[in-house]
Amino acid sequence: GSNWGFWDYYIIENKVIVNKTWATQ
C-alpha cells in the first residue's frame, strides 16, 4: 500500500531476497 520495496542480503548464503514491490518499483 505504501509502495515500499524491501531487500535483504543473506551474507552466509550470499543471496539477495526482494519483495514484489521492489521488483515493480
PDBML (XML) file of the C-alpha atoms, coordinates in Angstrom:
<?xml version="1.0" encoding="UTF-8" ?>
<PDBx:datablock datablockName="MODEL"
   xmlns:PDBx="http://pdbml.pdb.org/schema/pdbx-v50.xsd"
   xmlns:xsi="http://www.w3.org/2001/XMLSchema-instance"
   xsi:schemaLocation="http://pdbml.pdb.org/schema/pdbx-v50.xsd pdbx-v50.xsd">
   <PDBx:atom_siteCategory>
      <PDBx:atom_site id="1">
         <PDBx:B_iso_or_equiv>0.00</PDBx:B_iso_or_equiv>
         <PDBx:Cartn_x>0.000</PDBx:Cartn_x>
         <PDBx:Cartn_y>0.000</PDBx:Cartn_y>
         <PDBx:Cartn_z>0.000</PDBx:Cartn_z>
         <PDBx:auth_asym_id>A</PDBx:auth_asym_id>
         <PDBx:auth_atom_id>CA</PDBx:auth_atom_id>
         <PDBx:auth_comp_id>GLY</PDBx:auth_comp_id>
         <PDBx:auth_seq_id>1</PDBx:auth_seq_id>
         <PDBx:group_PDB>ATOM</PDBx:group_PDB>
         <PDBx:label_alt_id xsi:nil="true" />
         <PDBx:label_asym_id>A</PDBx:label_asym_id>
         <PDBx:label_atom_id>CA</PDBx:label_atom_id>
         <PDBx:label_comp_id>GLY</PDBx:label_comp_id>
         <PDBx:label_entity_id>1</PDBx:label_entity_id>
         <PDBx:label_seq_id>1</PDBx:label_seq_id>
         <PDBx:occupancy>1.00</PDBx:occupancy>
         <PDBx:pdbx_PDB_model_num>1</PDBx:pdbx_PDB_model_num>
         <PDBx:type_symbol>C</PDBx:type_symbol>
      </PDBx:atom_site>
      <PDBx:atom_site id="2">
         <PDBx:B_iso_or_equiv>0.00</PDBx:B_iso_or_equiv>
         <PDBx:Cartn_x>2.875</PDBx:Cartn_x>
         <PDBx:Cartn_y>2.388</PDBx:Cartn_y>
         <PDBx:Cartn_z>0.654</PDBx:Cartn_z>
         <PDBx:auth_asym_id>A</PDBx:auth_asym_id>
         <PDBx:auth_atom_id>CA</PDBx:auth_atom_id>
         <PDBx:auth_comp_id>SER</PDBx:auth_comp_id>
         <PDBx:auth_seq_id>2</PDBx:auth_seq_id>
         <PDBx:group_PDB>ATOM</PDBx:group_PDB>
         <PDBx:label_alt_id xsi:nil="true" />
         <PDBx:label_asym_id>A</PDBx:label_asym_id>
         <PDBx:label_atom_id>CA</PDBx:label_atom_id>
         <PDBx:label_comp_id>SER</PDBx:label_comp_id>
         <PDBx:label_entity_id>1</PDBx:label_entity_id>
         <PDBx:label_seq_id>2</PDBx:label_seq_id>
         <PDBx:occupancy>1.00</PDBx:occupancy>
         <PDBx:pdbx_PDB_model_num>1</PDBx:pdbx_PDB_model_num>
         <PDBx:type_symbol>C</PDBx:type_symbol>
      </PDBx:atom_site>
      <PDBx:atom_site id="3">
         <PDBx:B_iso_or_equiv>0.00</PDBx:B_iso_or_equiv>
         <PDBx:Cartn_x>4.936</PDBx:Cartn_x>
         <PDBx:Cartn_y>1.164</PDBx:Cartn_y>
         <PDBx:Cartn_z>-2.319</PDBx:Cartn_z>
         <PDBx:auth_asym_id>A</PDBx:auth_asym_id>
         <PDBx:auth_atom_id>CA</PDBx:auth_atom_id>
         <PDBx:auth_comp_id>ASN</PDBx:auth_comp_id>
         <PDBx:auth_seq_id>3</PDBx:auth_seq_id>
         <PDBx:group_PDB>ATOM</PDBx:group_PDB>
         <PDBx:label_alt_id xsi:nil="true" />
         <PDBx:label_asym_id>A</PDBx:label_asym_id>
         <PDBx:label_atom_id>CA</PDBx:label_atom_id>
         <PDBx:label_comp_id>ASN</PDBx:label_comp_id>
         <PDBx:label_entity_id>1</PDBx:label_entity_id>
         <PDBx:label_seq_id>3</PDBx:label_seq_id>
         <PDBx:occupancy>1.00</PDBx:occupancy>
         <PDBx:pdbx_PDB_model_num>1</PDBx:pdbx_PDB_model_num>
         <PDBx:type_symbol>C</PDBx:type_symbol>
      </PDBx:atom_site>
      <PDBx:atom_site id="4">
         <PDBx:B_iso_or_equiv>0.00</PDBx:B_iso_or_equiv>
         <PDBx:Cartn_x>7.882</PDBx:Cartn_x>
         <PDBx:Cartn_y>0.163</PDBx:Cartn_y>
         <PDBx:Cartn_z>-0.119</PDBx:Cartn_z>
         <PDBx:auth_asym_id>A</PDBx:auth_asym_id>
         <PDBx:auth_atom_id>CA</PDBx:auth_atom_id>
         <PDBx:auth_comp_id>TRP</PDBx:auth_comp_id>
         <PDBx:auth_seq_id>4</PDBx:auth_seq_id>
         <PDBx:group_PDB>ATOM</PDBx:group_PDB>
         <PDBx:label_alt_id xsi:nil="true" />
         <PDBx:label_asym_id>A</PDBx:label_asym_id>
         <PDBx:label_atom_id>CA</PDBx:label_atom_id>
         <PDBx:label_comp_id>TRP</PDBx:label_comp_id>
         <PDBx:label_entity_id>1</PDBx:label_entity_id>
         <PDBx:label_seq_id>4</PDBx:label_seq_id>
         <PDBx:occupancy>1.00</PDBx:occupancy>
         <PDBx:pdbx_PDB_model_num>1</PDBx:pdbx_PDB_model_num>
         <PDBx:type_symbol>C</PDBx:type_symbol>
      </PDBx:atom_site>
      <PDBx:atom_site id="5">
         <PDBx:B_iso_or_equiv>0.00</PDBx:B_iso_or_equiv>
         <PDBx:Cartn_x>10.393</PDBx:Cartn_x>
         <PDBx:Cartn_y>-2.100</PDBx:Cartn_y>
         <PDBx:Cartn_z>-1.760</PDBx:Cartn_z>
         <PDBx:auth_asym_id>A</PDBx:auth_asym_id>
         <PDBx:auth_atom_id>CA</PDBx:auth_atom_id>
         <PDBx:auth_comp_id>GLY</PDBx:auth_comp_id>
         <PDBx:auth_seq_id>5</PDBx:auth_seq_id>
         <PDBx:group_PDB>ATOM</PDBx:group_PDB>
         <PDBx:label_alt_id xsi:nil="true" />
         <PDBx:label_asym_id>A</PDBx:label_asym_id>
         <PDBx:label_atom_id>CA</PDBx:label_atom_id>
         <PDBx:label_comp_id>GLY</PDBx:label_comp_id>
         <PDBx:label_entity_id>1</PDBx:label_entity_id>
         <PDBx:label_seq_id>5</PDBx:label_seq_id>
         <PDBx:occupancy>1.00</PDBx:occupancy>
         <PDBx:pdbx_PDB_model_num>1</PDBx:pdbx_PDB_model_num>
         <PDBx:type_symbol>C</PDBx:type_symbol>
      </PDBx:atom_site>
      <PDBx:atom_site id="6">
         <PDBx:B_iso_or_equiv>0.00</PDBx:B_iso_or_equiv>
         <PDBx:Cartn_x>12.414</PDBx:Cartn_x>
         <PDBx:Cartn_y>-4.229</PDBx:Cartn_y>
         <PDBx:Cartn_z>0.632</PDBx:Cartn_z>
         <PDBx:auth_asym_id>A</PDBx:auth_asym_id>
         <PDBx:auth_atom_id>CA</PDBx:auth_atom_id>
         <PDBx:auth_comp_id>PHE</PDBx:auth_comp_id>
         <PDBx:auth_seq_id>6</PDBx:auth_seq_id>
         <PDBx:group_PDB>ATOM</PDBx:group_PDB>
         <PDBx:label_alt_id xsi:nil="true" />
         <PDBx:label_asym_id>A</PDBx:label_asym_id>
         <PDBx:label_atom_id>CA</PDBx:label_atom_id>
         <PDBx:label_comp_id>PHE</PDBx:label_comp_id>
         <PDBx:label_entity_id>1</PDBx:label_entity_id>
         <PDBx:label_seq_id>6</PDBx:label_seq_id>
         <PDBx:occupancy>1.00</PDBx:occupancy>
         <PDBx:pdbx_PDB_model_num>1</PDBx:pdbx_PDB_model_num>
         <PDBx:type_symbol>C</PDBx:type_symbol>
      </PDBx:atom_site>
      <PDBx:atom_site id="7">
         <PDBx:B_iso_or_equiv>0.00</PDBx:B_iso_or_equiv>
         <PDBx:Cartn_x>15.508</PDBx:Cartn_x>
         <PDBx:Cartn_y>-6.319</PDBx:Cartn_y>
         <PDBx:Cartn_z>0.143</PDBx:Cartn_z>
         <PDBx:auth_asym_id>A</PDBx:auth_asym_id>
         <PDBx:auth_atom_id>CA</PDBx:auth_atom_id>
         <PDBx:auth_comp_id>TRP</PDBx:auth_comp_id>
         <PDBx:auth_seq_id>7</PDBx:auth_seq_id>
         <PDBx:group_PDB>ATOM</PDBx:group_PDB>
         <PDBx:label_alt_id xsi:nil="true" />
         <PDBx:label_asym_id>A</PDBx:label_asym_id>
         <PDBx:label_atom_id>CA</PDBx:label_atom_id>
         <PDBx:label_comp_id>TRP</PDBx:label_comp_id>
         <PDBx:label_entity_id>1</PDBx:label_entity_id>
         <PDBx:label_seq_id>7</PDBx:label_seq_id>
         <PDBx:occupancy>1.00</PDBx:occupancy>
         <PDBx:pdbx_PDB_model_num>1</PDBx:pdbx_PDB_model_num>
         <PDBx:type_symbol>C</PDBx:type_symbol>
      </PDBx:atom_site>
      <PDBx:atom_site id="8">
         <PDBx:B_iso_or_equiv>0.00</PDBx:B_iso_or_equiv>
         <PDBx:Cartn_x>17.587</PDBx:Cartn_x>
         <PDBx:Cartn_y>-8.471</PDBx:Cartn_y>
         <PDBx:Cartn_z>2.447</PDBx:Cartn_z>
         <PDBx:auth_asym_id>A</PDBx:auth_asym_id>
         <PDBx:auth_atom_id>CA</PDBx:auth_atom_id>
         <PDBx:auth_comp_id>ASP</PDBx:auth_comp_id>
         <PDBx:auth_seq_id>8</PDBx:auth_seq_id>
         <PDBx:group_PDB>ATOM</PDBx:group_PDB>
         <PDBx:label_alt_id xsi:nil="true" />
         <PDBx:label_asym_id>A</PDBx:label_asym_id>
         <PDBx:label_atom_id>CA</PDBx:label_atom_id>
         <PDBx:label_comp_id>ASP</PDBx:label_comp_id>
         <PDBx:label_entity_id>1</PDBx:label_entity_id>
         <PDBx:label_seq_id>8</PDBx:label_seq_id>
         <PDBx:occupancy>1.00</PDBx:occupancy>
         <PDBx:pdbx_PDB_model_num>1</PDBx:pdbx_PDB_model_num>
         <PDBx:type_symbol>C</PDBx:type_symbol>
      </PDBx:atom_site>
      <PDBx:atom_site id="9">
         <PDBx:B_iso_or_equiv>0.00</PDBx:B_iso_or_equiv>
         <PDBx:Cartn_x>21.129</PDBx:Cartn_x>
         <PDBx:Cartn_y>-9.663</PDBx:Cartn_y>
         <PDBx:Cartn_z>1.932</PDBx:Cartn_z>
         <PDBx:auth_asym_id>A</PDBx:auth_asym_id>
         <PDBx:auth_atom_id>CA</PDBx:auth_atom_id>
         <PDBx:auth_comp_id>TYR</PDBx:auth_comp_id>
         <PDBx:auth_seq_id>9</PDBx:auth_seq_id>
         <PDBx:group_PDB>ATOM</PDBx:group_PDB>
         <PDBx:label_alt_id xsi:nil="true" />
         <PDBx:label_asym_id>A</PDBx:label_asym_id>
         <PDBx:label_atom_id>CA</PDBx:label_atom_id>
         <PDBx:label_comp_id>TYR</PDBx:label_comp_id>
         <PDBx:label_entity_id>1</PDBx:label_entity_id>
         <PDBx:label_seq_id>9</PDBx:label_seq_id>
         <PDBx:occupancy>1.00</PDBx:occupancy>
         <PDBx:pdbx_PDB_model_num>1</PDBx:pdbx_PDB_model_num>
         <PDBx:type_symbol>C</PDBx:type_symbol>
      </PDBx:atom_site>
      <PDBx:atom_site id="10">
         <PDBx:B_iso_or_equiv>0.00</PDBx:B_iso_or_equiv>
         <PDBx:Cartn_x>21.915</PDBx:Cartn_x>
         <PDBx:Cartn_y>-13.024</PDBx:Cartn_y>
         <PDBx:Cartn_z>3.487</PDBx:Cartn_z>
         <PDBx:auth_asym_id>A</PDBx:auth_asym_id>
         <PDBx:auth_atom_id>CA</PDBx:auth_atom_id>
         <PDBx:auth_comp_id>TYR</PDBx:auth_comp_id>
         <PDBx:auth_seq_id>10</PDBx:auth_seq_id>
         <PDBx:group_PDB>ATOM</PDBx:group_PDB>
         <PDBx:label_alt_id xsi:nil="true" />
         <PDBx:label_asym_id>A</PDBx:label_asym_id>
         <PDBx:label_atom_id>CA</PDBx:label_atom_id>
         <PDBx:label_comp_id>TYR</PDBx:label_comp_id>
         <PDBx:label_entity_id>1</PDBx:label_entity_id>
         <PDBx:label_seq_id>10</PDBx:label_seq_id>
         <PDBx:occupancy>1.00</PDBx:occupancy>
         <PDBx:pdbx_PDB_model_num>1</PDBx:pdbx_PDB_model_num>
         <PDBx:type_symbol>C</PDBx:type_symbol>
      </PDBx:atom_site>
      <PDBx:atom_site id="11">
         <PDBx:B_iso_or_equiv>0.00</PDBx:B_iso_or_equiv>
         <PDBx:Cartn_x>25.672</PDBx:Cartn_x>
         <PDBx:Cartn_y>-12.888</PDBx:Cartn_y>
         <PDBx:Cartn_z>3.941</PDBx:Cartn_z>
         <PDBx:auth_asym_id>A</PDBx:auth_asym_id>
         <PDBx:auth_atom_id>CA</PDBx:auth_atom_id>
         <PDBx:auth_comp_id>ILE</PDBx:auth_comp_id>
         <PDBx:auth_seq_id>11</PDBx:auth_seq_id>
         <PDBx:group_PDB>ATOM</PDBx:group_PDB>
         <PDBx:label_alt_id xsi:nil="true" />
         <PDBx:label_asym_id>A</PDBx:label_asym_id>
         <PDBx:label_atom_id>CA</PDBx:label_atom_id>
         <PDBx:label_comp_id>ILE</PDBx:label_comp_id>
         <PDBx:label_entity_id>1</PDBx:label_entity_id>
         <PDBx:label_seq_id>11</PDBx:label_seq_id>
         <PDBx:occupancy>1.00</PDBx:occupancy>
         <PDBx:pdbx_PDB_model_num>1</PDBx:pdbx_PDB_model_num>
         <PDBx:type_symbol>C</PDBx:type_symbol>
      </PDBx:atom_site>
      <PDBx:atom_site id="12">
         <PDBx:B_iso_or_equiv>0.00</PDBx:B_iso_or_equiv>
         <PDBx:Cartn_x>26.289</PDBx:Cartn_x>
         <PDBx:Cartn_y>-16.531</PDBx:Cartn_y>
         <PDBx:Cartn_z>4.811</PDBx:Cartn_z>
         <PDBx:auth_asym_id>A</PDBx:auth_asym_id>
         <PDBx:auth_atom_id>CA</PDBx:auth_atom_id>
         <PDBx:auth_comp_id>ILE</PDBx:auth_comp_id>
         <PDBx:auth_seq_id>12</PDBx:auth_seq_id>
         <PDBx:group_PDB>ATOM</PDBx:group_PDB>
         <PDBx:label_alt_id xsi:nil="true" />
         <PDBx:label_asym_id>A</PDBx:label_asym_id>
         <PDBx:label_atom_id>CA</PDBx:label_atom_id>
         <PDBx:label_comp_id>ILE</PDBx:label_comp_id>
         <PDBx:label_entity_id>1</PDBx:label_entity_id>
         <PDBx:label_seq_id>12</PDBx:label_seq_id>
         <PDBx:occupancy>1.00</PDBx:occupancy>
         <PDBx:pdbx_PDB_model_num>1</PDBx:pdbx_PDB_model_num>
         <PDBx:type_symbol>C</PDBx:type_symbol>
      </PDBx:atom_site>
      <PDBx:atom_site id="13">
         <PDBx:B_iso_or_equiv>0.00</PDBx:B_iso_or_equiv>
         <PDBx:Cartn_x>24.223</PDBx:Cartn_x>
         <PDBx:Cartn_y>-17.814</PDBx:Cartn_y>
         <PDBx:Cartn_z>1.873</PDBx:Cartn_z>
         <PDBx:auth_asym_id>A</PDBx:auth_asym_id>
         <PDBx:auth_atom_id>CA</PDBx:auth_atom_id>
         <PDBx:auth_comp_id>GLU</PDBx:auth_comp_id>
         <PDBx:auth_seq_id>13</PDBx:auth_seq_id>
         <PDBx:group_PDB>ATOM</PDBx:group_PDB>
         <PDBx:label_alt_id xsi:nil="true" />
         <PDBx:label_asym_id>A</PDBx:label_asym_id>
         <PDBx:label_atom_id>CA</PDBx:label_atom_id>
         <PDBx:label_comp_id>GLU</PDBx:label_comp_id>
         <PDBx:label_entity_id>1</PDBx:label_entity_id>
         <PDBx:label_seq_id>13</PDBx:label_seq_id>
         <PDBx:occupancy>1.00</PDBx:occupancy>
         <PDBx:pdbx_PDB_model_num>1</PDBx:pdbx_PDB_model_num>
         <PDBx:type_symbol>C</PDBx:type_symbol>
      </PDBx:atom_site>
      <PDBx:atom_site id="14">
         <PDBx:B_iso_or_equiv>0.00</PDBx:B_iso_or_equiv>
         <PDBx:Cartn_x>25.412</PDBx:Cartn_x>
         <PDBx:Cartn_y>-14.932</PDBx:Cartn_y>
         <PDBx:Cartn_z>-0.335</PDBx:Cartn_z>
         <PDBx:auth_asym_id>A</PDBx:auth_asym_id>
         <PDBx:auth_atom_id>CA</PDBx:auth_atom_id>
         <PDBx:auth_comp_id>ASN</PDBx:auth_comp_id>
         <PDBx:auth_seq_id>14</PDBx:auth_seq_id>
         <PDBx:group_PDB>ATOM</PDBx:group_PDB>
         <PDBx:label_alt_id xsi:nil="true" />
         <PDBx:label_asym_id>A</PDBx:label_asym_id>
         <PDBx:label_atom_id>CA</PDBx:label_atom_id>
         <PDBx:label_comp_id>ASN</PDBx:label_comp_id>
         <PDBx:label_entity_id>1</PDBx:label_entity_id>
         <PDBx:label_seq_id>14</PDBx:label_seq_id>
         <PDBx:occupancy>1.00</PDBx:occupancy>
         <PDBx:pdbx_PDB_model_num>1</PDBx:pdbx_PDB_model_num>
         <PDBx:type_symbol>C</PDBx:type_symbol>
      </PDBx:atom_site>
      <PDBx:atom_site id="15">
         <PDBx:B_iso_or_equiv>0.00</PDBx:B_iso_or_equiv>
         <PDBx:Cartn_x>21.922</PDBx:Cartn_x>
         <PDBx:Cartn_y>-14.307</PDBx:Cartn_y>
         <PDBx:Cartn_z>-1.675</PDBx:Cartn_z>
         <PDBx:auth_asym_id>A</PDBx:auth_asym_id>
         <PDBx:auth_atom_id>CA</PDBx:auth_atom_id>
         <PDBx:auth_comp_id>LYS</PDBx:auth_comp_id>
         <PDBx:auth_seq_id>15</PDBx:auth_seq_id>
         <PDBx:group_PDB>ATOM</PDBx:group_PDB>
         <PDBx:label_alt_id xsi:nil="true" />
         <PDBx:label_asym_id>A</PDBx:label_asym_id>
         <PDBx:label_atom_id>CA</PDBx:label_atom_id>
         <PDBx:label_comp_id>LYS</PDBx:label_comp_id>
         <PDBx:label_entity_id>1</PDBx:label_entity_id>
         <PDBx:label_seq_id>15</PDBx:label_seq_id>
         <PDBx:occupancy>1.00</PDBx:occupancy>
         <PDBx:pdbx_PDB_model_num>1</PDBx:pdbx_PDB_model_num>
         <PDBx:type_symbol>C</PDBx:type_symbol>
      </PDBx:atom_site>
      <PDBx:atom_site id="16">
         <PDBx:B_iso_or_equiv>0.00</PDBx:B_iso_or_equiv>
         <PDBx:Cartn_x>19.569</PDBx:Cartn_x>
         <PDBx:Cartn_y>-11.373</PDBx:Cartn_y>
         <PDBx:Cartn_z>-2.012</PDBx:Cartn_z>
         <PDBx:auth_asym_id>A</PDBx:auth_asym_id>
         <PDBx:auth_atom_id>CA</PDBx:auth_atom_id>
         <PDBx:auth_comp_id>VAL</PDBx:auth_comp_id>
         <PDBx:auth_seq_id>16</PDBx:auth_seq_id>
         <PDBx:group_PDB>ATOM</PDBx:group_PDB>
         <PDBx:label_alt_id xsi:nil="true" />
         <PDBx:label_asym_id>A</PDBx:label_asym_id>
         <PDBx:label_atom_id>CA</PDBx:label_atom_id>
         <PDBx:label_comp_id>VAL</PDBx:label_comp_id>
         <PDBx:label_entity_id>1</PDBx:label_entity_id>
         <PDBx:label_seq_id>16</PDBx:label_seq_id>
         <PDBx:occupancy>1.00</PDBx:occupancy>
         <PDBx:pdbx_PDB_model_num>1</PDBx:pdbx_PDB_model_num>
         <PDBx:type_symbol>C</PDBx:type_symbol>
      </PDBx:atom_site>
      <PDBx:atom_site id="17">
         <PDBx:B_iso_or_equiv>0.00</PDBx:B_iso_or_equiv>
         <PDBx:Cartn_x>15.862</PDBx:Cartn_x>
         <PDBx:Cartn_y>-11.648</PDBx:Cartn_y>
         <PDBx:Cartn_z>-1.193</PDBx:Cartn_z>
         <PDBx:auth_asym_id>A</PDBx:auth_asym_id>
         <PDBx:auth_atom_id>CA</PDBx:auth_atom_id>
         <PDBx:auth_comp_id>ILE</PDBx:auth_comp_id>
         <PDBx:auth_seq_id>17</PDBx:auth_seq_id>
         <PDBx:group_PDB>ATOM</PDBx:group_PDB>
         <PDBx:label_alt_id xsi:nil="true" />
         <PDBx:label_asym_id>A</PDBx:label_asym_id>
         <PDBx:label_atom_id>CA</PDBx:label_atom_id>
         <PDBx:label_comp_id>ILE</PDBx:label_comp_id>
         <PDBx:label_entity_id>1</PDBx:label_entity_id>
         <PDBx:label_seq_id>17</PDBx:label_seq_id>
         <PDBx:occupancy>1.00</PDBx:occupancy>
         <PDBx:pdbx_PDB_model_num>1</PDBx:pdbx_PDB_model_num>
         <PDBx:type_symbol>C</PDBx:type_symbol>
      </PDBx:atom_site>
      <PDBx:atom_site id="18">
         <PDBx:B_iso_or_equiv>0.00</PDBx:B_iso_or_equiv>
         <PDBx:Cartn_x>13.485</PDBx:Cartn_x>
         <PDBx:Cartn_y>-8.964</PDBx:Cartn_y>
         <PDBx:Cartn_z>-2.510</PDBx:Cartn_z>
         <PDBx:auth_asym_id>A</PDBx:auth_asym_id>
         <PDBx:auth_atom_id>CA</PDBx:auth_atom_id>
         <PDBx:auth_comp_id>VAL</PDBx:auth_comp_id>
         <PDBx:auth_seq_id>18</PDBx:auth_seq_id>
         <PDBx:group_PDB>ATOM</PDBx:group_PDB>
         <PDBx:label_alt_id xsi:nil="true" />
         <PDBx:label_asym_id>A</PDBx:label_asym_id>
         <PDBx:label_atom_id>CA</PDBx:label_atom_id>
         <PDBx:label_comp_id>VAL</PDBx:label_comp_id>
         <PDBx:label_entity_id>1</PDBx:label_entity_id>
         <PDBx:label_seq_id>18</PDBx:label_seq_id>
         <PDBx:occupancy>1.00</PDBx:occupancy>
         <PDBx:pdbx_PDB_model_num>1</PDBx:pdbx_PDB_model_num>
         <PDBx:type_symbol>C</PDBx:type_symbol>
      </PDBx:atom_site>
      <PDBx:atom_site id="19">
         <PDBx:B_iso_or_equiv>0.00</PDBx:B_iso_or_equiv>
         <PDBx:Cartn_x>9.772</PDBx:Cartn_x>
         <PDBx:Cartn_y>-8.371</PDBx:Cartn_y>
         <PDBx:Cartn_z>-2.152</PDBx:Cartn_z>
         <PDBx:auth_asym_id>A</PDBx:auth_asym_id>
         <PDBx:auth_atom_id>CA</PDBx:auth_atom_id>
         <PDBx:auth_comp_id>ASN</PDBx:auth_comp_id>
         <PDBx:auth_seq_id>19</PDBx:auth_seq_id>
         <PDBx:group_PDB>ATOM</PDBx:group_PDB>
         <PDBx:label_alt_id xsi:nil="true" />
         <PDBx:label_asym_id>A</PDBx:label_asym_id>
         <PDBx:label_atom_id>CA</PDBx:label_atom_id>
         <PDBx:label_comp_id>ASN</PDBx:label_comp_id>
         <PDBx:label_entity_id>1</PDBx:label_entity_id>
         <PDBx:label_seq_id>19</PDBx:label_seq_id>
         <PDBx:occupancy>1.00</PDBx:occupancy>
         <PDBx:pdbx_PDB_model_num>1</PDBx:pdbx_PDB_model_num>
         <PDBx:type_symbol>C</PDBx:type_symbol>
      </PDBx:atom_site>
      <PDBx:atom_site id="20">
         <PDBx:B_iso_or_equiv>0.00</PDBx:B_iso_or_equiv>
         <PDBx:Cartn_x>7.394</PDBx:Cartn_x>
         <PDBx:Cartn_y>-7.992</PDBx:Cartn_y>
         <PDBx:Cartn_z>-5.090</PDBx:Cartn_z>
         <PDBx:auth_asym_id>A</PDBx:auth_asym_id>
         <PDBx:auth_atom_id>CA</PDBx:auth_atom_id>
         <PDBx:auth_comp_id>LYS</PDBx:auth_comp_id>
         <PDBx:auth_seq_id>20</PDBx:auth_seq_id>
         <PDBx:group_PDB>ATOM</PDBx:group_PDB>
         <PDBx:label_alt_id xsi:nil="true" />
         <PDBx:label_asym_id>A</PDBx:label_asym_id>
         <PDBx:label_atom_id>CA</PDBx:label_atom_id>
         <PDBx:label_comp_id>LYS</PDBx:label_comp_id>
         <PDBx:label_entity_id>1</PDBx:label_entity_id>
         <PDBx:label_seq_id>20</PDBx:label_seq_id>
         <PDBx:occupancy>1.00</PDBx:occupancy>
         <PDBx:pdbx_PDB_model_num>1</PDBx:pdbx_PDB_model_num>
         <PDBx:type_symbol>C</PDBx:type_symbol>
      </PDBx:atom_site>
      <PDBx:atom_site id="21">
         <PDBx:B_iso_or_equiv>0.00</PDBx:B_iso_or_equiv>
         <PDBx:Cartn_x>7.188</PDBx:Cartn_x>
         <PDBx:Cartn_y>-4.232</PDBx:Cartn_y>
         <PDBx:Cartn_z>-4.623</PDBx:Cartn_z>
         <PDBx:auth_asym_id>A</PDBx:auth_asym_id>
         <PDBx:auth_atom_id>CA</PDBx:auth_atom_id>
         <PDBx:auth_comp_id>THR</PDBx:auth_comp_id>
         <PDBx:auth_seq_id>21</PDBx:auth_seq_id>
         <PDBx:group_PDB>ATOM</PDBx:group_PDB>
         <PDBx:label_alt_id xsi:nil="true" />
         <PDBx:label_asym_id>A</PDBx:label_asym_id>
         <PDBx:label_atom_id>CA</PDBx:label_atom_id>
         <PDBx:label_comp_id>THR</PDBx:label_comp_id>
         <PDBx:label_entity_id>1</PDBx:label_entity_id>
         <PDBx:label_seq_id>21</PDBx:label_seq_id>
         <PDBx:occupancy>1.00</PDBx:occupancy>
         <PDBx:pdbx_PDB_model_num>1</PDBx:pdbx_PDB_model_num>
         <PDBx:type_symbol>C</PDBx:type_symbol>
      </PDBx:atom_site>
      <PDBx:atom_site id="22">
         <PDBx:B_iso_or_equiv>0.00</PDBx:B_iso_or_equiv>
         <PDBx:Cartn_x>10.958</PDBx:Cartn_x>
         <PDBx:Cartn_y>-3.882</PDBx:Cartn_y>
         <PDBx:Cartn_z>-5.045</PDBx:Cartn_z>
         <PDBx:auth_asym_id>A</PDBx:auth_asym_id>
         <PDBx:auth_atom_id>CA</PDBx:auth_atom_id>
         <PDBx:auth_comp_id>TRP</PDBx:auth_comp_id>
         <PDBx:auth_seq_id>22</PDBx:auth_seq_id>
         <PDBx:group_PDB>ATOM</PDBx:group_PDB>
         <PDBx:label_alt_id xsi:nil="true" />
         <PDBx:label_asym_id>A</PDBx:label_asym_id>
         <PDBx:label_atom_id>CA</PDBx:label_atom_id>
         <PDBx:label_comp_id>TRP</PDBx:label_comp_id>
         <PDBx:label_entity_id>1</PDBx:label_entity_id>
         <PDBx:label_seq_id>22</PDBx:label_seq_id>
         <PDBx:occupancy>1.00</PDBx:occupancy>
         <PDBx:pdbx_PDB_model_num>1</PDBx:pdbx_PDB_model_num>
         <PDBx:type_symbol>C</PDBx:type_symbol>
      </PDBx:atom_site>
      <PDBx:atom_site id="23">
         <PDBx:B_iso_or_equiv>0.00</PDBx:B_iso_or_equiv>
         <PDBx:Cartn_x>10.693</PDBx:Cartn_x>
         <PDBx:Cartn_y>-5.520</PDBx:Cartn_y>
         <PDBx:Cartn_z>-8.474</PDBx:Cartn_z>
         <PDBx:auth_asym_id>A</PDBx:auth_asym_id>
         <PDBx:auth_atom_id>CA</PDBx:auth_atom_id>
         <PDBx:auth_comp_id>ALA</PDBx:auth_comp_id>
         <PDBx:auth_seq_id>23</PDBx:auth_seq_id>
         <PDBx:group_PDB>ATOM</PDBx:group_PDB>
         <PDBx:label_alt_id xsi:nil="true" />
         <PDBx:label_asym_id>A</PDBx:label_asym_id>
         <PDBx:label_atom_id>CA</PDBx:label_atom_id>
         <PDBx:label_comp_id>ALA</PDBx:label_comp_id>
         <PDBx:label_entity_id>1</PDBx:label_entity_id>
         <PDBx:label_seq_id>23</PDBx:label_seq_id>
         <PDBx:occupancy>1.00</PDBx:occupancy>
         <PDBx:pdbx_PDB_model_num>1</PDBx:pdbx_PDB_model_num>
         <PDBx:type_symbol>C</PDBx:type_symbol>
      </PDBx:atom_site>
      <PDBx:atom_site id="24">
         <PDBx:B_iso_or_equiv>0.00</PDBx:B_iso_or_equiv>
         <PDBx:Cartn_x>7.704</PDBx:Cartn_x>
         <PDBx:Cartn_y>-3.445</PDBx:Cartn_y>
         <PDBx:Cartn_z>-9.575</PDBx:Cartn_z>
         <PDBx:auth_asym_id>A</PDBx:auth_asym_id>
         <PDBx:auth_atom_id>CA</PDBx:auth_atom_id>
         <PDBx:auth_comp_id>THR</PDBx:auth_comp_id>
         <PDBx:auth_seq_id>24</PDBx:auth_seq_id>
         <PDBx:group_PDB>ATOM</PDBx:group_PDB>
         <PDBx:label_alt_id xsi:nil="true" />
         <PDBx:label_asym_id>A</PDBx:label_asym_id>
         <PDBx:label_atom_id>CA</PDBx:label_atom_id>
         <PDBx:label_comp_id>THR</PDBx:label_comp_id>
         <PDBx:label_entity_id>1</PDBx:label_entity_id>
         <PDBx:label_seq_id>24</PDBx:label_seq_id>
         <PDBx:occupancy>1.00</PDBx:occupancy>
         <PDBx:pdbx_PDB_model_num>1</PDBx:pdbx_PDB_model_num>
         <PDBx:type_symbol>C</PDBx:type_symbol>
      </PDBx:atom_site>
      <PDBx:atom_site id="25">
         <PDBx:B_iso_or_equiv>0.00</PDBx:B_iso_or_equiv>
         <PDBx:Cartn_x>9.370</PDBx:Cartn_x>
         <PDBx:Cartn_y>-0.213</PDBx:Cartn_y>
         <PDBx:Cartn_z>-8.418</PDBx:Cartn_z>
         <PDBx:auth_asym_id>A</PDBx:auth_asym_id>
         <PDBx:auth_atom_id>CA</PDBx:auth_atom_id>
         <PDBx:auth_comp_id>GLN</PDBx:auth_comp_id>
         <PDBx:auth_seq_id>25</PDBx:auth_seq_id>
         <PDBx:group_PDB>ATOM</PDBx:group_PDB>
         <PDBx:label_alt_id xsi:nil="true" />
         <PDBx:label_asym_id>A</PDBx:label_asym_id>
         <PDBx:label_atom_id>CA</PDBx:label_atom_id>
         <PDBx:label_comp_id>GLN</PDBx:label_comp_id>
         <PDBx:label_entity_id>1</PDBx:label_entity_id>
         <PDBx:label_seq_id>25</PDBx:label_seq_id>
         <PDBx:occupancy>1.00</PDBx:occupancy>
         <PDBx:pdbx_PDB_model_num>1</PDBx:pdbx_PDB_model_num>
         <PDBx:type_symbol>C</PDBx:type_symbol>
      </PDBx:atom_site>
   </PDBx:atom_siteCategory>
</PDBx:datablock>
